[in-house]
PDB file of N, CA and C in Angstrom:
ATOM      1  N   UNK A   1       6.574  10.684  14.520  1.00  0.00           N
ATOM      2  CA  UNK A   1       4.941  10.758  14.357  1.00  0.00           C
ATOM      3  C   UNK A   1       4.516   9.381  14.381  1.00  0.00           C
ATOM      4  N   UNK A   2       3.392   9.205  15.055  1.00  0.00           N
ATOM      5  CA  UNK A   2       2.615   8.106  15.286  1.00  0.00           C
ATOM      6  C   UNK A   2       1.750   7.759  14.000  1.00  0.00           C
ATOM      7  N   UNK A   3       1.809   6.478  13.746  1.00  0.00           N
ATOM      8  CA  UNK A   3       0.863   5.899  12.548  1.00  0.00           C
ATOM      9  C   UNK A   3      -0.068   5.023  13.132  1.00  0.00           C
ATOM     10  N   UNK A   4      -1.213   5.028  12.317  1.00  0.00           N
ATOM     11  CA  UNK A   4      -2.306   4.025  12.707  1.00  0.00           C
ATOM     12  C   UNK A   4      -2.797   3.388  11.555  1.00  0.00           C
ATOM     13  N   UNK A   5      -3.205   2.070  11.682  1.00  0.00           N
ATOM     14  CA  UNK A   5      -3.765   1.255  10.721  1.00  0.00           C
ATOM     15  C   UNK A   5      -5.114   0.580  11.211  1.00  0.00           C
ATOM     16  N   UNK A   6      -6.088   0.422  10.347  1.00  0.00           N
ATOM     17  CA  UNK A   6      -7.323  -0.321  10.761  1.00  0.00           C
ATOM     18  C   UNK A   6      -7.715  -1.178   9.653  1.00  0.00           C
ATOM     19  N   UNK A   7      -8.272  -2.267  10.155  1.00  0.00           N
ATOM     20  CA  UNK A   7      -8.985  -3.208   9.012  1.00  0.00           C
ATOM     21  C   UNK A   7     -10.217  -3.804   9.687  1.00  0.00           C
ATOM     22  N   UNK A   8     -11.161  -3.985   8.863  1.00  0.00           N
ATOM     23  CA  UNK A   8     -12.514  -4.844   9.283  1.00  0.00           C
ATOM     24  C   UNK A   8     -12.698  -5.949   8.263  1.00  0.00           C
ATOM     25  N   UNK A   9     -13.080  -7.009   8.728  1.00  0.00           N
ATOM     26  CA  UNK A   9     -13.275  -7.987   7.846  1.00  0.00           C
ATOM     27  C   UNK A   9     -14.693  -8.824   8.223  1.00  0.00           C
ATOM     28  N   UNK A  10     -15.349  -9.220   7.245  1.00  0.00           N
ATOM     29  CA  UNK A  10     -16.536 -10.055   7.510  1.00  0.00           C
ATOM     30  C   UNK A  10     -16.058 -11.348   7.562  1.00  0.00           C
ATOM     31  N   UNK A  11     -16.427 -12.071   8.698  1.00  0.00           N
ATOM     32  CA  UNK A  11     -15.721 -13.297   9.178  1.00  0.00           C
ATOM     33  C   UNK A  11     -15.952 -14.335   8.099  1.00  0.00           C
ATOM     34  N   UNK A  12     -17.240 -14.460   7.548  1.00  0.00           N
ATOM     35  CA  UNK A  12     -17.420 -15.563   6.402  1.00  0.00           C
ATOM     36  C   UNK A  12     -16.679 -15.443   5.405  1.00  0.00           C
ATOM     37  N   UNK A  13     -15.785 -14.380   5.143  1.00  0.00           N
ATOM     38  CA  UNK A  13     -14.782 -14.317   4.023  1.00  0.00           C
ATOM     39  C   UNK A  13     -13.609 -15.003   4.228  1.00  0.00           C
ATOM     40  N   UNK A  14     -13.349 -15.339   5.565  1.00  0.00           N
ATOM     41  CA  UNK A  14     -12.098 -16.271   5.910  1.00  0.00           C
ATOM     42  C   UNK A  14     -12.367 -17.633   5.708  1.00  0.00           C
ATOM     43  N   UNK A  15     -11.460 -18.252   5.025  1.00  0.00           N
ATOM     44  CA  UNK A  15     -11.397 -19.742   4.813  1.00  0.00           C
ATOM     45  C   UNK A  15     -10.679 -20.425   5.823  1.00  0.00           C
ATOM     46  N   UNK A  16     -11.250 -21.443   6.371  1.00  0.00           N
ATOM     47  CA  UNK A  16     -10.686 -22.136   7.449  1.00  0.00           C
ATOM     48  C   UNK A  16      -9.863 -23.480   6.953  1.00  0.00           C
ATOM     49  N   UNK A  17      -9.681 -23.572   5.784  1.00  0.00           N
ATOM     50  CA  UNK A  17      -8.731 -24.556   5.266  1.00  0.00           C
ATOM     51  C   UNK A  17      -7.173 -24.344   5.589  1.00  0.00           C
ATOM     52  N   UNK A  18      -6.601 -25.424   5.854  1.00  0.00           N
ATOM     53  CA  UNK A  18      -5.225 -25.157   6.378  1.00  0.00           C
ATOM     54  C   UNK A  18      -4.251 -24.497   5.342  1.00  0.00           C
ATOM     55  N   UNK A  19      -4.537 -24.700   4.139  1.00  0.00           N
ATOM     56  CA  UNK A  19      -3.543 -24.134   3.223  1.00  0.00           C
ATOM     57  C   UNK A  19      -3.749 -22.577   3.086  1.00  0.00           C
ATOM     58  N   UNK A  20      -5.044 -22.124   3.292  1.00  0.00           N
ATOM     59  CA  UNK A  20      -5.223 -20.669   3.428  1.00  0.00           C
ATOM     60  C   UNK A  20      -4.742 -20.200   4.742  1.00  0.00           C
ATOM     61  N   UNK A  21      -5.001 -20.794   5.769  1.00  0.00           N
ATOM     62  CA  UNK A  21      -4.419 -20.307   6.998  1.00  0.00           C
ATOM     63  C   UNK A  21      -3.195 -20.083   7.162  1.00  0.00           C
ATOM     64  N   UNK A  22      -2.271 -21.067   6.756  1.00  0.00           N
ATOM     65  CA  UNK A  22      -0.813 -21.081   6.620  1.00  0.00           C
ATOM     66  C   UNK A  22      -0.255 -19.790   5.926  1.00  0.00           C
ATOM     67  N   UNK A  23      -1.104 -19.062   5.049  1.00  0.00           N
ATOM     68  CA  UNK A  23      -0.465 -18.087   4.413  1.00  0.00           C
ATOM     69  C   UNK A  23      -0.437 -16.686   5.231  1.00  0.00           C
ATOM     70  N   UNK A  24      -1.181 -16.606   6.318  1.00  0.00           N
ATOM     71  CA  UNK A  24      -1.399 -15.586   7.183  1.00  0.00           C
ATOM     72  C   UNK A  24      -1.228 -15.712   8.763  1.00  0.00           C
ATOM     73  N   UNK A  25      -1.438 -17.030   9.112  1.00  0.00           N
ATOM     74  CA  UNK A  25      -1.277 -17.341  10.592  1.00  0.00           C
ATOM     75  C   UNK A  25       0.102 -18.015  10.907  1.00  0.00           C
ATOM     76  N   UNK A  26       0.792 -17.509  12.032  1.00  0.00           N
ATOM     77  CA  UNK A  26       1.910 -18.101  12.502  1.00  0.00           C
ATOM     78  C   UNK A  26       1.778 -19.571  13.036  1.00  0.00           C
ATOM     79  N   UNK A  27       2.687 -20.334  12.880  1.00  0.00           N
ATOM     80  CA  UNK A  27       2.434 -21.678  13.314  1.00  0.00           C
ATOM     81  C   UNK A  27       1.807 -21.951  14.666  1.00  0.00           C
ATOM     82  N   UNK A  28       2.386 -21.105  15.684  1.00  0.00           N
ATOM     83  CA  UNK A  28       1.974 -20.884  17.071  1.00  0.00           C
ATOM     84  C   UNK A  28       0.303 -20.560  17.040  1.00  0.00           C
ATOM     85  N   UNK A  29      -0.071 -19.753  16.160  1.00  0.00           N
ATOM     86  CA  UNK A  29      -1.443 -19.259  15.994  1.00  0.00           C
ATOM     87  C   UNK A  29      -2.376 -20.381  15.543  1.00  0.00           C
ATOM     88  N   UNK A  30      -1.843 -21.144  14.567  1.00  0.00           N
ATOM     89  CA  UNK A  30      -2.471 -22.301  14.064  1.00  0.00           C
ATOM     90  C   UNK A  30      -2.773 -23.409  15.218  1.00  0.00           C
ATOM     91  N   UNK A  31      -1.872 -23.584  16.102  1.00  0.00           N
ATOM     92  CA  UNK A  31      -1.915 -24.591  17.047  1.00  0.00           C
ATOM     93  C   UNK A  31      -3.106 -23.958  18.060  1.00  0.00           C
ATOM     94  N   UNK A  32      -3.153 -22.662  18.360  1.00  0.00           N
ATOM     95  CA  UNK A  32      -4.207 -22.123  19.192  1.00  0.00           C
ATOM     96  C   UNK A  32      -5.524 -22.322  18.618  1.00  0.00           C
ATOM     97  N   UNK A  33      -5.738 -22.038  17.389  1.00  0.00           N
ATOM     98  CA  UNK A  33      -6.883 -22.132  16.519  1.00  0.00           C
ATOM     99  C   UNK A  33      -7.510 -23.631  16.457  1.00  0.00           C
ATOM    100  N   UNK A  34      -6.518 -24.567  16.322  1.00  0.00           N
ATOM    101  CA  UNK A  34      -6.879 -25.910  16.283  1.00  0.00           C
ATOM    102  C   UNK A  34      -7.399 -26.500  17.814  1.00  0.00           C
ATOM    103  N   UNK A  35      -6.962 -25.753  18.803  1.00  0.00           N
ATOM    104  CA  UNK A  35      -7.466 -26.131  20.209  1.00  0.00           C
ATOM    105  C   UNK A  35      -8.873 -25.684  20.269  1.00  0.00           C
ATOM    106  N   UNK A  36      -9.375 -24.607  19.654  1.00  0.00           N
ATOM    107  CA  UNK A  36     -10.804 -24.177  19.740  1.00  0.00           C
ATOM    108  C   UNK A  36     -11.787 -25.267  19.453  1.00  0.00           C
ATOM    109  N   UNK A  37     -12.850 -25.176  20.175  1.00  0.00           N
ATOM    110  CA  UNK A  37     -13.877 -26.156  19.918  1.00  0.00           C
ATOM    111  C   UNK A  37     -14.697 -25.935  18.685  1.00  0.00           C
ATOM    112  N   UNK A  38     -15.439 -24.767  18.787  1.00  0.00           N
ATOM    113  CA  UNK A  38     -16.568 -24.530  17.878  1.00  0.00           C
ATOM    114  C   UNK A  38     -15.913 -23.781  16.324  1.00  0.00           C
ATOM    115  N   UNK A  39     -16.676 -24.002  15.360  1.00  0.00           N
ATOM    116  CA  UNK A  39     -16.227 -23.472  14.236  1.00  0.00           C
ATOM    117  C   UNK A  39     -16.398 -22.002  14.129  1.00  0.00           C
ATOM    118  N   UNK A  40     -17.405 -21.243  14.940  1.00  0.00           N
ATOM    119  CA  UNK A  40     -17.520 -19.921  15.151  1.00  0.00           C
ATOM    120  C   UNK A  40     -16.288 -19.421  15.907  1.00  0.00           C
ATOM    121  N   UNK A  41     -15.780 -20.019  16.942  1.00  0.00           N
ATOM    122  CA  UNK A  41     -14.561 -19.421  17.638  1.00  0.00           C
ATOM    123  C   UNK A  41     -13.392 -19.610  16.809  1.00  0.00           C
ATOM    124  N   UNK A  42     -13.266 -20.544  16.029  1.00  0.00           N
ATOM    125  CA  UNK A  42     -12.253 -20.516  15.035  1.00  0.00           C
ATOM    126  C   UNK A  42     -12.101 -19.472  14.093  1.00  0.00           C
ATOM    127  N   UNK A  43     -13.440 -19.234  13.506  1.00  0.00           N
ATOM    128  CA  UNK A  43     -13.649 -18.198  12.550  1.00  0.00           C
ATOM    129  C   UNK A  43     -13.382 -16.673  13.012  1.00  0.00           C
ATOM    130  N   UNK A  44     -13.844 -16.488  14.237  1.00  0.00           N
ATOM    131  CA  UNK A  44     -13.517 -15.150  14.924  1.00  0.00           C
ATOM    132  C   UNK A  44     -11.828 -15.145  15.156  1.00  0.00           C
ATOM    133  N   UNK A  45     -11.431 -16.180  15.596  1.00  0.00           N
ATOM    134  CA  UNK A  45      -9.879 -16.075  15.946  1.00  0.00           C
ATOM    135  C   UNK A  45      -9.171 -15.682  14.722  1.00  0.00           C
ATOM    136  N   UNK A  46      -9.439 -16.506  13.629  1.00  0.00           N
ATOM    137  CA  UNK A  46      -8.781 -16.335  12.238  1.00  0.00           C
ATOM    138  C   UNK A  46      -9.131 -14.923  11.664  1.00  0.00           C
ATOM    139  N   UNK A  47     -10.288 -14.491  11.718  1.00  0.00           N
ATOM    140  CA  UNK A  47     -10.576 -13.148  11.062  1.00  0.00           C
ATOM    141  C   UNK A  47      -9.936 -12.212  11.986  1.00  0.00           C
ATOM    142  N   UNK A  48      -9.878 -12.286  13.424  1.00  0.00           N
ATOM    143  CA  UNK A  48      -9.310 -11.320  14.235  1.00  0.00           C
ATOM    144  C   UNK A  48      -7.891 -11.081  13.946  1.00  0.00           C
ATOM    145  N   UNK A  49      -7.043 -12.136  13.669  1.00  0.00           N
ATOM    146  CA  UNK A  49      -5.666 -12.250  13.147  1.00  0.00           C
ATOM    147  C   UNK A  49      -5.443 -11.458  12.016  1.00  0.00           C
ATOM    148  N   UNK A  50      -6.512 -11.869  11.041  1.00  0.00           N
ATOM    149  CA  UNK A  50      -6.286 -11.372   9.658  1.00  0.00           C
ATOM    150  C   UNK A  50      -6.477  -9.823   9.688  1.00  0.00           C
ATOM    151  N   UNK A  51      -7.483  -9.223  10.399  1.00  0.00           N
ATOM    152  CA  UNK A  51      -7.715  -7.899  10.396  1.00  0.00           C
ATOM    153  C   UNK A  51      -6.416  -7.257  11.240  1.00  0.00           C
ATOM    154  N   UNK A  52      -6.150  -7.851  12.234  1.00  0.00           N
ATOM    155  CA  UNK A  52      -4.800  -7.321  12.982  1.00  0.00           C
ATOM    156  C   UNK A  52      -3.540  -7.069  12.154  1.00  0.00           C
ATOM    157  N   UNK A  53      -3.216  -8.140  11.189  1.00  0.00           N
ATOM    158  CA  UNK A  53      -2.239  -8.122  10.396  1.00  0.00           C
ATOM    159  C   UNK A  53      -2.397  -7.165   9.257  1.00  0.00           C
ATOM    160  N   UNK A  54      -3.531  -7.005   8.754  1.00  0.00           N
ATOM    161  CA  UNK A  54      -3.739  -6.012   7.834  1.00  0.00           C
ATOM    162  C   UNK A  54      -3.584  -4.596   8.353  1.00  0.00           C
ATOM    163  N   UNK A  55      -4.220  -4.510   9.587  1.00  0.00           N
ATOM    164  CA  UNK A  55      -3.900  -3.054  10.272  1.00  0.00           C
ATOM    165  C   UNK A  55      -2.500  -2.966  10.421  1.00  0.00           C
ATOM    166  N   UNK A  56      -1.700  -3.889  10.708  1.00  0.00           N
ATOM    167  CA  UNK A  56      -0.304  -3.803  10.953  1.00  0.00           C
ATOM    168  C   UNK A  56       0.507  -3.329   9.715  1.00  0.00           C
ATOM    169  N   UNK A  57      -0.024  -3.826   8.554  1.00  0.00           N
ATOM    170  CA  UNK A  57       0.715  -3.611   7.406  1.00  0.00           C
ATOM    171  C   UNK A  57       0.425  -1.967   6.961  1.00  0.00           C
ATOM    172  N   UNK A  58      -0.895  -1.620   7.159  1.00  0.00           N
ATOM    173  CA  UNK A  58      -1.199  -0.309   6.840  1.00  0.00           C
ATOM    174  C   UNK A  58      -0.488   0.738   7.826  1.00  0.00           C
ATOM    175  N   UNK A  59      -0.316   0.374   9.093  1.00  0.00           N
ATOM    176  CA  UNK A  59       0.374   1.144   9.953  1.00  0.00           C
ATOM    177  C   UNK A  59       1.832   1.286   9.626  1.00  0.00           C
ATOM    178  N   UNK A  60       2.488   0.122   9.319  1.00  0.00           N
ATOM    179  CA  UNK A  60       3.957   0.399   9.080  1.00  0.00           C
ATOM    180  C   UNK A  60       4.243   0.801   7.702  1.00  0.00           C
ATOM    181  N   UNK A  61       3.198   0.612   6.806  1.00  0.00           N
ATOM    182  CA  UNK A  61       3.443   0.933   5.432  1.00  0.00           C
ATOM    183  C   UNK A  61       4.549   0.146   4.750  1.00  0.00           C
ATOM    184  N   UNK A  62       4.880  -1.171   5.045  1.00  0.00           N
ATOM    185  CA  UNK A  62       5.861  -1.901   4.465  1.00  0.00           C
ATOM    186  C   UNK A  62       5.255  -3.327   4.234  1.00  0.00           C
ATOM    187  N   UNK A  63       5.739  -3.987   3.335  1.00  0.00           N
ATOM    188  CA  UNK A  63       5.304  -5.457   3.314  1.00  0.00           C
ATOM    189  C   UNK A  63       5.870  -6.262   4.332  1.00  0.00           C
ATOM    190  N   UNK A  64       5.026  -7.167   4.694  1.00  0.00           N
ATOM    191  CA  UNK A  64       5.494  -8.045   5.918  1.00  0.00           C
ATOM    192  C   UNK A  64       4.988  -9.495   5.504  1.00  0.00           C
ATOM    193  N   UNK A  65       5.898 -10.385   5.966  1.00  0.00           N
ATOM    194  CA  UNK A  65       5.497 -11.835   5.957  1.00  0.00           C
ATOM    195  C   UNK A  65       4.618 -12.159   7.223  1.00  0.00           C
ATOM    196  N   UNK A  66       3.284 -11.860   6.998  1.00  0.00           N
ATOM    197  CA  UNK A  66       2.377 -12.004   8.109  1.00  0.00           C
ATOM    198  C   UNK A  66       2.328 -13.377   8.703  1.00  0.00           C
ATOM    199  N   UNK A  67       2.820 -14.326   8.193  1.00  0.00           N
ATOM    200  CA  UNK A  67       2.724 -15.586   8.737  1.00  0.00           C
ATOM    201  C   UNK A  67       3.911 -16.045   9.522  1.00  0.00           C
ATOM    202  N   UNK A  68       4.782 -15.042   9.611  1.00  0.00           N
ATOM    203  CA  UNK A  68       6.039 -15.079  10.610  1.00  0.00           C
ATOM    204  C   UNK A  68       5.624 -14.087  11.909  1.00  0.00           C
ATOM    205  N   UNK A  69       4.679 -13.539  11.860  1.00  0.00           N
ATOM    206  CA  UNK A  69       4.127 -12.554  13.153  1.00  0.00           C
ATOM    207  C   UNK A  69       3.123 -13.342  14.026  1.00  0.00           C
ATOM    208  N   UNK A  70       3.627 -13.614  15.270  1.00  0.00           N
ATOM    209  CA  UNK A  70       2.686 -14.183  16.201  1.00  0.00           C
ATOM    210  C   UNK A  70       2.193 -13.256  17.027  1.00  0.00           C
ATOM    211  N   UNK A  71       0.763 -13.300  17.138  1.00  0.00           N
ATOM    212  CA  UNK A  71      -0.028 -12.334  18.057  1.00  0.00           C
ATOM    213  C   UNK A  71      -0.362 -13.240  19.110  1.00  0.00           C
ATOM    214  N   UNK A  72       0.017 -12.774  20.298  1.00  0.00           N
ATOM    215  CA  UNK A  72      -0.271 -13.417  21.684  1.00  0.00           C
ATOM    216  C   UNK A  72      -1.086 -12.351  22.536  1.00  0.00           C
ATOM    217  N   UNK A  73      -1.685 -12.919  23.555  1.00  0.00           N
ATOM    218  CA  UNK A  73      -2.375 -12.089  24.505  1.00  0.00           C
ATOM    219  C   UNK A  73      -1.519 -12.161  25.961  1.00  0.00           C
ATOM    220  N   UNK A  74      -1.418 -10.910  26.379  1.00  0.00           N
ATOM    221  CA  UNK A  74      -0.536 -10.700  27.684  1.00  0.00           C
ATOM    222  C   UNK A  74      -1.419  -9.630  28.445  1.00  0.00           C
ATOM    223  N   UNK A  75      -1.987 -10.076  29.639  1.00  0.00           N
ATOM    224  CA  UNK A  75      -2.742  -9.295  30.444  1.00  0.00           C
ATOM    225  C   UNK A  75      -3.964  -8.836  29.692  1.00  0.00           C
ATOM    226  N   UNK A  76      -4.556  -9.778  28.964  1.00  0.00           N
ATOM    227  CA  UNK A  76      -5.801  -9.607  28.116  1.00  0.00           C
ATOM    228  C   UNK A  76      -5.629  -8.681  27.009  1.00  0.00           C
ATOM    229  N   UNK A  77      -4.466  -8.507  26.614  1.00  0.00           N
ATOM    230  CA  UNK A  77      -4.154  -7.423  25.526  1.00  0.00           C
ATOM    231  C   UNK A  77      -3.358  -8.105  24.302  1.00  0.00           C
ATOM    232  N   UNK A  78      -3.834  -7.951  23.136  1.00  0.00           N
ATOM    233  CA  UNK A  78      -3.035  -8.568  22.029  1.00  0.00           C
ATOM    234  C   UNK A  78      -1.728  -7.799  21.832  1.00  0.00           C
ATOM    235  N   UNK A  79      -0.633  -8.612  21.684  1.00  0.00           N
ATOM    236  CA  UNK A  79       0.733  -7.974  21.579  1.00  0.00           C
ATOM    237  C   UNK A  79       1.400  -8.853  20.440  1.00  0.00           C
ATOM    238  N   UNK A  80       2.409  -8.331  19.785  1.00  0.00           N
ATOM    239  CA  UNK A  80       2.973  -8.989  18.738  1.00  0.00           C
ATOM    240  C   UNK A  80       4.265  -9.558  19.512  1.00  0.00           C
ATOM    241  N   UNK A  81       4.489 -10.963  19.373  1.00  0.00           N
ATOM    242  CA  UNK A  81       5.672 -11.493  19.978  1.00  0.00           C
ATOM    243  C   UNK A  81       6.918 -11.271  19.365  1.00  0.00           C
ATOM    244  N   UNK A  82       7.553 -10.270  19.302  1.00  0.00           N
ATOM    245  CA  UNK A  82       8.668  -9.834  18.604  1.00  0.00           C
ATOM    246  C   UNK A  82       9.234  -8.456  19.024  1.00  0.00           C
ATOM    247  N   UNK A  83      10.289  -8.388  19.562  1.00  0.00           N
ATOM    248  CA  UNK A  83      10.772  -7.122  20.089  1.00  0.00           C
ATOM    249  C   UNK A  83      10.985  -6.017  19.029  1.00  0.00           C
ATOM    250  N   UNK A  84      11.027  -6.490  17.724  1.00  0.00           N
ATOM    251  CA  UNK A  84      11.035  -5.521  16.427  1.00  0.00           C
ATOM    252  C   UNK A  84       9.726  -4.692  16.456  1.00  0.00           C
ATOM    253  N   UNK A  85       8.603  -5.160  17.167  1.00  0.00           N
ATOM    254  CA  UNK A  85       7.354  -4.473  17.092  1.00  0.00           C
ATOM    255  C   UNK A  85       6.967  -3.941  18.463  1.00  0.00           C
ATOM    256  N   UNK A  86       7.914  -3.692  19.281  1.00  0.00           N
ATOM    257  CA  UNK A  86       7.663  -3.137  20.579  1.00  0.00           C
ATOM    258  C   UNK A  86       6.885  -1.919  20.751  1.00  0.00           C
ATOM    259  N   UNK A  87       6.936  -1.211  19.711  1.00  0.00           N
ATOM    260  CA  UNK A  87       6.185   0.260  19.790  1.00  0.00           C
ATOM    261  C   UNK A  87       4.911   0.095  19.195  1.00  0.00           C
ATOM    262  N   UNK A  88       4.328  -1.145  18.869  1.00  0.00           N
ATOM    263  CA  UNK A  88       3.032  -1.247  18.225  1.00  0.00           C
ATOM    264  C   UNK A  88       1.843  -1.621  19.218  1.00  0.00           C
ATOM    265  N   UNK A  89       0.856  -0.961  19.327  1.00  0.00           N
ATOM    266  CA  UNK A  89      -0.189  -1.172  20.104  1.00  0.00           C
ATOM    267  C   UNK A  89      -1.228  -1.782  19.214  1.00  0.00           C
ATOM    268  N   UNK A  90      -1.925  -2.908  19.690  1.00  0.00           N
ATOM    269  CA  UNK A  90      -2.948  -3.552  18.869  1.00  0.00           C
ATOM    270  C   UNK A  90      -4.370  -3.511  19.619  1.00  0.00           C
ATOM    271  N   UNK A  91      -5.300  -3.619  18.993  1.00  0.00           N
ATOM    272  CA  UNK A  91      -6.767  -3.923  19.468  1.00  0.00           C
ATOM    273  C   UNK A  91      -7.390  -4.653  18.601  1.00  0.00           C
ATOM    274  N   UNK A  92      -8.013  -5.862  19.003  1.00  0.00           N
ATOM    275  CA  UNK A  92      -8.932  -6.700  18.081  1.00  0.00           C
ATOM    276  C   UNK A  92     -10.251  -6.784  18.732  1.00  0.00           C
ATOM    277  N   UNK A  93     -11.254  -6.515  17.969  1.00  0.00           N
ATOM    278  CA  UNK A  93     -12.641  -6.730  18.472  1.00  0.00           C
ATOM    279  C   UNK A  93     -13.560  -7.478  17.382  1.00  0.00           C
ATOM    280  N   UNK A  94     -14.531  -8.225  18.095  1.00  0.00           N
ATOM    281  CA  UNK A  94     -15.399  -9.061  17.258  1.00  0.00           C
ATOM    282  C   UNK A  94     -17.004  -8.648  17.647  1.00  0.00           C
ATOM    283  N   UNK A  95     -17.745  -8.576  16.489  1.00  0.00           N
ATOM    284  CA  UNK A  95     -19.078  -8.297  16.688  1.00  0.00           C
ATOM    285  C   UNK A  95     -19.868  -9.228  15.554  1.00  0.00           C
ATOM    286  N   UNK A  96     -20.581 -10.102  16.184  1.00  0.00           N
ATOM    287  CA  UNK A  96     -21.321 -11.229  15.376  1.00  0.00           C
ATOM    288  C   UNK A  96     -20.609 -11.475  14.079  1.00  0.00           C
ATOM    289  N   UNK A  97     -20.855 -10.823  13.132  1.00  0.00           N
ATOM    290  CA  UNK A  97     -20.298 -11.264  11.672  1.00  0.00           C
ATOM    291  C   UNK A  97     -19.079 -10.707  11.256  1.00  0.00           C
ATOM    292  N   UNK A  98     -18.502  -9.715  12.076  1.00  0.00           N
ATOM    293  CA  UNK A  98     -17.436  -8.842  11.846  1.00  0.00           C
ATOM    294  C   UNK A  98     -16.262  -8.863  12.860  1.00  0.00           C
ATOM    295  N   UNK A  99     -15.022  -8.872  12.349  1.00  0.00           N
ATOM    296  CA  UNK A  99     -13.824  -8.513  13.293  1.00  0.00           C
ATOM    297  C   UNK A  99     -13.207  -7.315  12.759  1.00  0.00           C
ATOM    298  N   UNK A 100     -12.698  -6.555  13.716  1.00  0.00           N
ATOM    299  CA  UNK A 100     -12.062  -5.337  13.460  1.00  0.00           C
ATOM    300  C   UNK A 100     -10.631  -5.219  14.240  1.00  0.00           C
ATOM    301  N   UNK A 101      -9.693  -4.594  13.698  1.00  0.00           N
ATOM    302  CA  UNK A 101      -8.467  -4.471  14.329  1.00  0.00           C
ATOM    303  C   UNK A 101      -7.873  -3.167  14.018  1.00  0.00           C
ATOM    304  N   UNK A 102      -7.021  -2.466  15.064  1.00  0.00           N
ATOM    305  CA  UNK A 102      -6.330  -1.114  15.144  1.00  0.00           C
ATOM    306  C   UNK A 102      -5.099  -1.392  15.401  1.00  0.00           C
ATOM    307  N   UNK A 103      -3.998  -0.890  14.614  1.00  0.00           N
ATOM    308  CA  UNK A 103      -2.559  -0.928  15.025  1.00  0.00           C
ATOM    309  C   UNK A 103      -2.047   0.315  15.270  1.00  0.00           C
ATOM    310  N   UNK A 104      -1.310   0.748  16.222  1.00  0.00           N
ATOM    311  CA  UNK A 104      -0.895   2.131  16.361  1.00  0.00           C
ATOM    312  C   UNK A 104       0.704   1.929  16.444  1.00  0.00           C
ATOM    313  N   UNK A 105       1.442   2.702  15.826  1.00  0.00           N
ATOM    314  CA  UNK A 105       2.889   2.644  15.800  1.00  0.00           C
ATOM    315  C   UNK A 105       3.292   3.909  16.518  1.00  0.00           C
ATOM    316  N   UNK A 106       3.680   3.742  17.764  1.00  0.00           N
ATOM    317  CA  UNK A 106       4.007   4.944  18.639  1.00  0.00           C
ATOM    318  C   UNK A 106       5.490   5.477  18.373  1.00  0.00           C
TER     319      UNK A 106
END
């Protein structure tokens, strides 16, 4: 049976301090975030990853070390870079002050 998880986050709730980011971002995601120029882009990136990983936890219903999960884009689509999660479909969206993500376990 397919399971779904969803999460929404108000972007300003995400702290861009390195200590906080290391708790939920993969080291490769931190490198990508640091390459972004504007603080708004950094905030959207981090909040989108937060929402996606929260949605993933809800979808799988198991605790995860979210900073070990790397979300990358392939063909303009977010995917988890780990074959363990090959059945997971992700979607991440942003709108002004909010980011939302959905995870579907097929």
